[in-house]
């Protein structure tokens, strides 16, 4: 069951996905999309436009 994120601010979400971008830039992961898909499967929610922008920003 997904954790209660009612007290999570949009900036905290951006920080979390931003860590994926930093990991890719550092060469720690090959693709952020794999992790975004996994997060979405466990209840992490991104607006479609935010998801698309993030993947474009990461070069995917």
C-alpha atoms as a PDB file:
ATOM      1  CA  UNK A   1       0.000   0.000   0.000  1.00  0.00           C
ATOM      2  CA  UNK A   2       1.394   3.455  -0.898  1.00  0.00           C
ATOM      3  CA  UNK A   3       2.408   5.616   2.004  1.00  0.00           C
ATOM      4  CA  UNK A   4       0.335   8.645   2.951  1.00  0.00           C
ATOM      5  CA  UNK A   5       1.784  11.590   1.076  1.00  0.00           C
ATOM      6  CA  UNK A   6      -0.865  14.109   2.057  1.00  0.00           C
ATOM      7  CA  UNK A   7       1.781  16.234   3.772  1.00  0.00           C
ATOM      8  CA  UNK A   8       4.231  15.984   0.868  1.00  0.00           C
ATOM      9  CA  UNK A   9       4.747  19.233  -0.993  1.00  0.00           C
ATOM     10  CA  UNK A  10       5.240  19.455  -4.755  1.00  0.00           C
ATOM     11  CA  UNK A  11       8.835  20.542  -4.139  1.00  0.00           C
ATOM     12  CA  UNK A  12       9.517  17.307  -2.245  1.00  0.00           C
ATOM     13  CA  UNK A  13       8.262  15.353  -5.265  1.00  0.00           C
ATOM     14  CA  UNK A  14      10.519  17.362  -7.536  1.00  0.00           C
ATOM     15  CA  UNK A  15      13.439  16.724  -5.203  1.00  0.00           C
ATOM     16  CA  UNK A  16      12.783  12.977  -5.346  1.00  0.00           C
ATOM     17  CA  UNK A  17      12.688  12.786  -9.128  1.00  0.00           C
ATOM     18  CA  UNK A  18      15.571  15.249  -9.299  1.00  0.00           C
ATOM     19  CA  UNK A  19      17.695  12.684  -7.473  1.00  0.00           C
ATOM     20  CA  UNK A  20      17.067  10.285 -10.350  1.00  0.00           C
ATOM     21  CA  UNK A  21      18.317  12.893 -12.799  1.00  0.00           C
ATOM     22  CA  UNK A  22      21.458  13.474 -10.737  1.00  0.00           C
ATOM     23  CA  UNK A  23      22.068   9.719 -10.562  1.00  0.00           C
ATOM     24  CA  UNK A  24      21.829   9.469 -14.343  1.00  0.00           C
ATOM     25  CA  UNK A  25      24.140  12.438 -14.840  1.00  0.00           C
ATOM     26  CA  UNK A  26      26.659  10.818 -12.466  1.00  0.00           C
ATOM     27  CA  UNK A  27      26.495   7.561 -14.429  1.00  0.00           C
ATOM     28  CA  UNK A  28      24.942   5.612 -11.558  1.00  0.00           C
ATOM     29  CA  UNK A  29      21.877   4.626 -13.587  1.00  0.00           C
ATOM     30  CA  UNK A  30      21.371   4.274 -17.342  1.00  0.00           C
ATOM     31  CA  UNK A  31      17.780   5.481 -17.563  1.00  0.00           C
ATOM     32  CA  UNK A  32      15.426   7.354 -15.277  1.00  0.00           C
ATOM     33  CA  UNK A  33      12.337   6.059 -17.074  1.00  0.00           C
ATOM     34  CA  UNK A  34      12.781   2.598 -15.568  1.00  0.00           C
ATOM     35  CA  UNK A  35      12.660   4.087 -12.085  1.00  0.00           C
ATOM     36  CA  UNK A  36       9.792   6.448 -12.883  1.00  0.00           C
ATOM     37  CA  UNK A  37       7.740   3.473 -14.097  1.00  0.00           C
ATOM     38  CA  UNK A  38       8.598   1.542 -10.933  1.00  0.00           C
ATOM     39  CA  UNK A  39       7.644   4.481  -8.732  1.00  0.00           C
ATOM     40  CA  UNK A  40       4.340   4.882 -10.552  1.00  0.00           C
ATOM     41  CA  UNK A  41       3.570   1.203  -9.977  1.00  0.00           C
ATOM     42  CA  UNK A  42       3.805   1.741  -6.218  1.00  0.00           C
ATOM     43  CA  UNK A  43       1.648   4.869  -6.176  1.00  0.00           C
ATOM     44  CA  UNK A  44       4.044   7.730  -6.983  1.00  0.00           C
ATOM     45  CA  UNK A  45       2.048  10.186  -9.056  1.00  0.00           C
ATOM     46  CA  UNK A  46       3.272  12.687 -11.613  1.00  0.00           C
ATOM     47  CA  UNK A  47       1.178  14.841 -13.879  1.00  0.00           C
ATOM     48  CA  UNK A  48       1.584  13.596 -17.457  1.00  0.00           C
ATOM     49  CA  UNK A  49       3.127  16.910 -18.514  1.00  0.00           C
ATOM     50  CA  UNK A  50       5.606  16.815 -15.611  1.00  0.00           C
ATOM     51  CA  UNK A  51       6.518  13.227 -16.454  1.00  0.00           C
ATOM     52  CA  UNK A  52       7.080  14.117 -20.115  1.00  0.00           C
ATOM     53  CA  UNK A  53       9.134  17.207 -19.246  1.00  0.00           C
ATOM     54  CA  UNK A  54      11.258  15.221 -16.807  1.00  0.00           C
ATOM     55  CA  UNK A  55      11.982  12.481 -19.330  1.00  0.00           C
ATOM     56  CA  UNK A  56      12.873  15.072 -21.986  1.00  0.00           C
ATOM     57  CA  UNK A  57      15.146  16.840 -19.523  1.00  0.00           C
ATOM     58  CA  UNK A  58      16.906  13.565 -18.802  1.00  0.00           C
ATOM     59  CA  UNK A  59      17.376  12.898 -22.513  1.00  0.00           C
ATOM     60  CA  UNK A  60      14.867  10.060 -22.758  1.00  0.00           C
END
